[in-house]
C-alpha atoms as a PDB file:
ATOM      1  CA  MET A   1      12.618  70.835-211.979  1.00  0.00           C
ATOM      2  CA  ASP A   2      15.961  72.648-211.971  1.00  0.00           C
ATOM      3  CA  GLU A   3      18.643  70.027-212.582  1.00  0.00           C
ATOM      4  CA  ASN A   4      21.126  71.818-210.270  1.00  0.00           C
ATOM      5  CA  ARG A   5      18.509  72.000-207.451  1.00  0.00           C
ATOM      6  CA  HIS A   6      20.239  69.232-205.519  1.00  0.00           C
ATOM      7  CA  ALA A   7      23.804  69.967-206.578  1.00  0.00           C
ATOM      8  CA  GLY A   8      26.226  68.734-204.039  1.00  0.00           C
ATOM      9  CA  LEU A   9      23.737  66.362-202.352  1.00  0.00           C
ATOM     10  CA  ASP A  10      25.015  62.815-201.866  1.00  0.00           C
ATOM     11  CA  PRO A  11      22.949  60.789-204.373  1.00  0.00           C
ATOM     12  CA  ALA A  12      22.100  58.304-201.585  1.00  0.00           C
ATOM     13  CA  PHE A  13      19.870  61.018-200.042  1.00  0.00           C
ATOM     14  CA  ASP A  14      18.224  62.177-203.302  1.00  0.00           C
ATOM     15  CA  LEU A  15      15.256  59.831-203.318  1.00  0.00           C
ATOM     16  CA  SER A  16      12.763  58.965-205.963  1.00  0.00           C
ATOM     17  CA  PRO A  17       9.047  59.131-204.922  1.00  0.00           C
ATOM     18  CA  PHE A  18       9.066  55.324-204.604  1.00  0.00           C
ATOM     19  CA  GLN A  19      12.126  55.402-202.335  1.00  0.00           C
ATOM     20  CA  TYR A  20      10.780  58.360-200.334  1.00  0.00           C
ATOM     21  CA  PHE A  21       7.488  56.603-199.498  1.00  0.00           C
ATOM     22  CA  LEU A  22       8.648  52.961-199.349  1.00  0.00           C
ATOM     23  CA  ASP A  23       8.819  52.920-195.524  1.00  0.00           C
ATOM     24  CA  PHE A  24       5.020  53.430-195.481  1.00  0.00           C
ATOM     25  CA  LEU A  25       4.768  49.948-197.050  1.00  0.00           C
ATOM     26  CA  LEU A  26       7.661  48.143-195.397  1.00  0.00           C
ATOM     27  CA  VAL A  27       7.442  49.383-191.814  1.00  0.00           C
ATOM     28  CA  PRO A  28       3.814  48.350-191.127  1.00  0.00           C
ATOM     29  CA  TRP A  29       4.649  44.840-192.599  1.00  0.00           C
ATOM     30  CA  ALA A  30       7.712  44.645-190.313  1.00  0.00           C
ATOM     31  CA  ILE A  31       5.709  45.773-187.234  1.00  0.00           C
ATOM     32  CA  CYS A  32       3.093  43.064-187.802  1.00  0.00           C
ATOM     33  CA  THR A  33       5.814  40.445-188.389  1.00  0.00           C
ATOM     34  CA  LEU A  34       7.649  41.391-185.155  1.00  0.00           C
ATOM     35  CA  ILE A  35       4.537  41.387-183.050  1.00  0.00           C
ATOM     36  CA  ALA A  36       3.481  37.977-184.592  1.00  0.00           C
ATOM     37  CA  PHE A  37       6.998  36.710-183.672  1.00  0.00           C
ATOM     38  CA  ALA A  38       6.442  37.789-180.076  1.00  0.00           C
ATOM     39  CA  VAL A  39       2.953  36.307-179.909  1.00  0.00           C
ATOM     40  CA  LEU A  40       4.285  32.969-181.216  1.00  0.00           C
ATOM     41  CA  GLY A  41       6.947  33.216-178.515  1.00  0.00           C
ATOM     42  CA  ARG A  42       4.110  33.204-176.010  1.00  0.00           C
ATOM     43  CA  ILE A  43       4.641  36.629-174.497  1.00  0.00           C
ATOM     44  CA  SER A  44       1.588  37.921-172.678  1.00  0.00           C
ATOM     45  CA  LEU A  45      -0.430  40.755-174.228  1.00  0.00           C
ATOM     46  CA  SER A  46       0.362  43.020-171.343  1.00  0.00           C
ATOM     47  CA  ALA A  47       4.104  42.375-171.786  1.00  0.00           C
ATOM     48  CA  ILE A  48       3.699  43.069-175.534  1.00  0.00           C
ATOM     49  CA  ALA A  49       1.955  46.317-174.788  1.00  0.00           C
ATOM     50  CA  GLY A  50       4.622  47.333-172.245  1.00  0.00           C
ATOM     51  CA  TRP A  51       7.566  46.574-174.608  1.00  0.00           C
ATOM     52  CA  VAL A  52       5.814  48.273-177.500  1.00  0.00           C
ATOM     53  CA  GLY A  53       5.188  51.379-175.344  1.00  0.00           C
ATOM     54  CA  ALA A  54       8.821  51.318-174.240  1.00  0.00           C
ATOM     55  CA  GLY A  55       9.827  51.167-177.896  1.00  0.00           C
ATOM     56  CA  VAL A  56       7.643  54.105-178.850  1.00  0.00           C
ATOM     57  CA  ALA A  57       9.081  56.152-175.949  1.00  0.00           C
ATOM     58  CA  ALA A  58      12.614  55.185-176.959  1.00  0.00           C
ATOM     59  CA  TRP A  59      11.883  56.291-180.498  1.00  0.00           C
ATOM     60  CA  THR A  60      10.874  59.782-179.311  1.00  0.00           C
ATOM     61  CA  LEU A  61      14.229  60.169-177.534  1.00  0.00           C
ATOM     62  CA  ALA A  62      16.157  58.731-180.449  1.00  0.00           C
ATOM     63  CA  GLU A  63      14.232  61.046-182.881  1.00  0.00           C
ATOM     64  CA  TYR A  64      15.233  64.077-180.826  1.00  0.00           C
ATOM     65  CA  TRP A  65      18.912  63.092-180.643  1.00  0.00           C
ATOM     66  CA  ILE A  66      19.184  61.985-184.268  1.00  0.00           C
ATOM     67  CA  HIS A  67      17.716  65.323-185.371  1.00  0.00           C
ATOM     68  CA  ARG A  68      19.730  67.407-182.919  1.00  0.00           C
ATOM     69  CA  ALA A  69      23.157  65.675-182.839  1.00  0.00           C
ATOM     70  CA  ILE A  70      23.316  63.887-186.202  1.00  0.00           C
ATOM     71  CA  PHE A  71      21.276  65.962-188.605  1.00  0.00           C
ATOM     72  CA  HIS A  72      22.532  69.216-187.140  1.00  0.00           C
ATOM     73  CA  GLY A  73      25.993  67.860-186.345  1.00  0.00           C
ATOM     74  CA  ASN A  74      29.201  67.757-188.317  1.00  0.00           C
ATOM     75  CA  ASN A  75      28.938  64.573-190.369  1.00  0.00           C
ATOM     76  CA  ARG A  76      27.791  63.219-193.729  1.00  0.00           C
ATOM     77  CA  PHE A  77      24.133  63.645-192.787  1.00  0.00           C
ATOM     78  CA  ALA A  78      24.255  67.356-191.987  1.00  0.00           C
ATOM     79  CA  PRO A  79      24.449  68.597-195.646  1.00  0.00           C
ATOM     80  CA  MET A  80      21.461  66.429-196.475  1.00  0.00           C
ATOM     81  CA  HIS A  81      19.547  67.896-193.632  1.00  0.00           C
ATOM     82  CA  ASP A  82      20.648  71.450-194.532  1.00  0.00           C
ATOM     83  CA  MET A  83      19.248  70.903-198.063  1.00  0.00           C
ATOM     84  CA  HIS A  84      16.006  69.591-196.484  1.00  0.00           C
ATOM     85  CA  HIS A  85      15.737  72.913-194.639  1.00  0.00           C
ATOM     86  CA  ARG A  86      16.239  74.837-197.847  1.00  0.00           C
ATOM     87  CA  LEU A  87      13.944  72.577-199.901  1.00  0.00           C
ATOM     88  CA  PRO A  88      11.467  71.040-197.423  1.00  0.00           C
ATOM     89  CA  ARG A  89       9.047  69.750-200.105  1.00  0.00           C
ATOM     90  CA  ASP A  90      11.765  67.837-202.016  1.00  0.00           C
ATOM     91  CA  MET A  91      12.196  64.114-201.461  1.00  0.00           C
ATOM     92  CA  ILE A  92      15.462  64.285-199.545  1.00  0.00           C
ATOM     93  CA  GLY A  93      16.041  61.684-196.875  1.00  0.00           C
ATOM     94  CA  ILE A  94      17.395  58.295-195.869  1.00  0.00           C
ATOM     95  CA  SER A  95      16.395  55.216-197.818  1.00  0.00           C
ATOM     96  CA  SER A  96      14.626  52.240-196.376  1.00  0.00           C
ATOM     97  CA  LEU A  97      17.963  50.299-196.509  1.00  0.00           C
ATOM     98  CA  GLY A  98      19.341  52.855-194.114  1.00  0.00           C
ATOM     99  CA  THR A  99      16.355  52.873-191.744  1.00  0.00           C
ATOM    100  CA  PHE A 100      16.122  49.044-191.678  1.00  0.00           C
ATOM    101  CA  SER A 101      19.837  48.798-191.007  1.00  0.00           C
ATOM    102  CA  ALA A 102      19.349  51.019-187.981  1.00  0.00           C
ATOM    103  CA  PHE A 103      16.369  48.980-186.839  1.00  0.00           C
ATOM    104  CA  ALA A 104      18.473  45.772-187.189  1.00  0.00           C
ATOM    105  CA  ALA A 105      21.185  47.324-184.997  1.00  0.00           C
ATOM    106  CA  VAL A 106      18.591  48.260-182.375  1.00  0.00           C
ATOM    107  CA  TRP A 107      17.134  44.738-182.529  1.00  0.00           C
ATOM    108  CA  LEU A 108      20.572  43.127-181.990  1.00  0.00           C
ATOM    109  CA  LEU A 109      21.281  45.409-178.982  1.00  0.00           C
ATOM    110  CA  ALA A 110      17.788  44.786-177.533  1.00  0.00           C
ATOM    111  CA  CYS A 111      18.282  41.005-178.023  1.00  0.00           C
ATOM    112  CA  ALA A 112      21.430  41.124-175.944  1.00  0.00           C
ATOM    113  CA  VAL A 113      19.609  42.999-173.186  1.00  0.00           C
ATOM    114  CA  ALA A 114      16.080  41.496-173.191  1.00  0.00           C
ATOM    115  CA  GLY A 115      16.045  38.391-175.445  1.00  0.00           C
ATOM    116  CA  GLU A 116      14.671  37.878-178.911  1.00  0.00           C
ATOM    117  CA  ASP A 117      10.910  37.939-178.155  1.00  0.00           C
ATOM    118  CA  ARG A 118      10.953  41.096-176.077  1.00  0.00           C
ATOM    119  CA  ALA A 119      13.402  42.720-178.441  1.00  0.00           C
ATOM    120  CA  ALA A 120      11.006  42.031-181.348  1.00  0.00           C
ATOM    121  CA  VAL A 121       8.144  43.920-179.734  1.00  0.00           C
ATOM    122  CA  PHE A 122      10.471  46.671-178.467  1.00  0.00           C
ATOM    123  CA  VAL A 123      11.661  47.255-182.059  1.00  0.00           C
ATOM    124  CA  ALA A 124       7.974  47.059-183.245  1.00  0.00           C
ATOM    125  CA  GLY A 125       7.375  49.973-180.841  1.00  0.00           C
ATOM    126  CA  VAL A 126      10.375  51.878-182.120  1.00  0.00           C
ATOM    127  CA  MET A 127       9.044  51.325-185.683  1.00  0.00           C
ATOM    128  CA  ILE A 128       5.526  52.545-184.655  1.00  0.00           C
ATOM    129  CA  GLY A 129       7.182  55.693-183.332  1.00  0.00           C
ATOM    130  CA  TYR A 130       9.236  56.029-186.561  1.00  0.00           C
ATOM    131  CA  LEU A 131       6.086  55.526-188.697  1.00  0.00           C
ATOM    132  CA  ALA A 132       4.290  58.245-186.737  1.00  0.00           C
ATOM    133  CA  TYR A 133       7.312  60.484-187.321  1.00  0.00           C
ATOM    134  CA  CYS A 134       7.231  59.782-191.057  1.00  0.00           C
ATOM    135  CA  ALA A 135       3.511  60.404-191.366  1.00  0.00           C
ATOM    136  CA  ILE A 136       3.685  63.681-189.363  1.00  0.00           C
ATOM    137  CA  HIS A 137       6.797  64.922-191.127  1.00  0.00           C
ATOM    138  CA  VAL A 138       5.409  64.131-194.555  1.00  0.00           C
ATOM    139  CA  ARG A 139       2.136  65.810-193.577  1.00  0.00           C
ATOM    140  CA  PHE A 140       3.971  69.023-192.541  1.00  0.00           C
ATOM    141  CA  HIS A 141       6.075  69.286-195.669  1.00  0.00           C
ATOM    142  CA  HIS A 142       3.881  67.926-198.403  1.00  0.00           C
ATOM    143  CA  HIS A 143       0.382  69.019-197.347  1.00  0.00           C
ATOM    144  CA  GLY A 144       0.974  72.129-195.297  1.00  0.00           C
ATOM    145  CA  PRO A 145      -1.510  73.672-192.939  1.00  0.00           C
ATOM    146  CA  LYS A 146      -4.390  74.016-195.471  1.00  0.00           C
ATOM    147  CA  ALA A 147      -6.365  70.970-194.289  1.00  0.00           C
ATOM    148  CA  LYS A 148      -7.973  70.818-190.887  1.00  0.00           C
ATOM    149  CA  LEU A 149      -5.641  69.384-188.304  1.00  0.00           C
ATOM    150  CA  SER A 150      -6.063  68.105-184.826  1.00  0.00           C
ATOM    151  CA  ARG A 151      -4.957  70.590-182.197  1.00  0.00           C
ATOM    152  CA  TYR A 152      -1.913  68.461-181.348  1.00  0.00           C
ATOM    153  CA  ILE A 153      -0.802  68.033-184.938  1.00  0.00           C
ATOM    154  CA  ALA A 154      -1.378  71.758-185.554  1.00  0.00           C
ATOM    155  CA  PHE A 155       0.763  72.557-182.478  1.00  0.00           C
ATOM    156  CA  MET A 156       3.536  70.149-183.679  1.00  0.00           C
ATOM    157  CA  ASN A 157       3.301  71.766-187.153  1.00  0.00           C
ATOM    158  CA  ASP A 158       3.962  75.146-185.608  1.00  0.00           C
ATOM    159  CA  HIS A 159       6.753  73.620-183.468  1.00  0.00           C
ATOM    160  CA  HIS A 160       8.411  72.146-186.466  1.00  0.00           C
ATOM    161  CA  SER A 161       7.931  75.220-188.581  1.00  0.00           C
ATOM    162  CA  GLY A 162       9.748  77.136-185.819  1.00  0.00           C
ATOM    163  CA  HIS A 163      12.589  74.738-186.159  1.00  0.00           C
ATOM    164  CA  HIS A 164      12.779  75.297-189.915  1.00  0.00           C
ATOM    165  CA  ARG A 165      12.914  79.064-189.401  1.00  0.00           C
ATOM    166  CA  GLY A 166      15.979  78.915-187.108  1.00  0.00           C
ATOM    167  CA  GLY A 167      17.269  75.352-186.618  1.00  0.00           C
ATOM    168  CA  LYS A 168      18.463  76.146-183.069  1.00  0.00           C
ATOM    169  CA  GLY A 169      15.677  74.292-181.247  1.00  0.00           C
ATOM    170  CA  ASN A 170      12.408  72.391-181.587  1.00  0.00           C
ATOM    171  CA  PHE A 171      14.094  69.205-182.674  1.00  0.00           C
ATOM    172  CA  GLY A 172      11.155  66.950-181.784  1.00  0.00           C
ATOM    173  CA  VAL A 173       8.748  66.154-184.617  1.00  0.00           C
ATOM    174  CA  THR A 174       6.296  63.778-182.900  1.00  0.00           C
ATOM    175  CA  THR A 175       6.579  65.303-179.459  1.00  0.00           C
ATOM    176  CA  PRO A 176       8.101  68.440-177.872  1.00  0.00           C
ATOM    177  CA  ILE A 177       8.877  66.593-174.592  1.00  0.00           C
ATOM    178  CA  TRP A 178      12.564  66.219-175.176  1.00  0.00           C
ATOM    179  CA  ASP A 179      12.891  69.883-176.267  1.00  0.00           C
ATOM    180  CA  PHE A 180      11.434  70.801-172.824  1.00  0.00           C
ATOM    181  CA  VAL A 181      13.711  68.281-171.003  1.00  0.00           C
ATOM    182  CA  PHE A 182      16.923  69.428-172.827  1.00  0.00           C
ATOM    183  CA  GLY A 183      16.090  73.163-172.931  1.00  0.00           C
ATOM    184  CA  THR A 184      15.725  73.443-176.691  1.00  0.00           C
ATOM    185  CA  TYR A 185      12.021  74.355-176.856  1.00  0.00           C
ATOM    186  CA  ARG A 186      11.439  77.618-178.675  1.00  0.00           C
ATOM    187  CA  ARG A 187       8.030  79.218-178.805  1.00  0.00           C
ATOM    188  CA  ALA A 188       6.972  78.989-182.457  1.00  0.00           C
ATOM    189  CA  SER A 189       4.600  81.965-182.700  1.00  0.00           C
END
């Protein structure tokens, strides 16, 4: 690989393969731990399902705004994301330390609003949404369209490819809903 390929990239965003894929090990463990915490707290299964669903929904909105306002904003994350646009197959991203710090902040805020047990399953839902985002995004950039995809994943692949061609819209990776709501949907074909 060209040694200057990532010249100018903050080393914190230039991940090894282990760092790049570590969330696929840590996040499922954390999800199970948080849900077990809630079950031990005697929250009903219907309440767990509701809080997990709320967390997944919250993730989709957070994903949209993180991508639109932070990764395409004027801050230390924008150059990292610009390089991702130029080199989408490279292992450029945020480490597990960064993502888990963000999850901890969400958990603290949710605790203040809903209590520890409900916050635990809400954050588990956020993490499920994040894990779906990771799986879909890695699929798009590291496997391409060569394998047979579900119609939805194929649609989202086109949606995300449209984003990479222009960067002015299509900020959702797991869902286009917020692109429709905020007027940033761009037809990919």
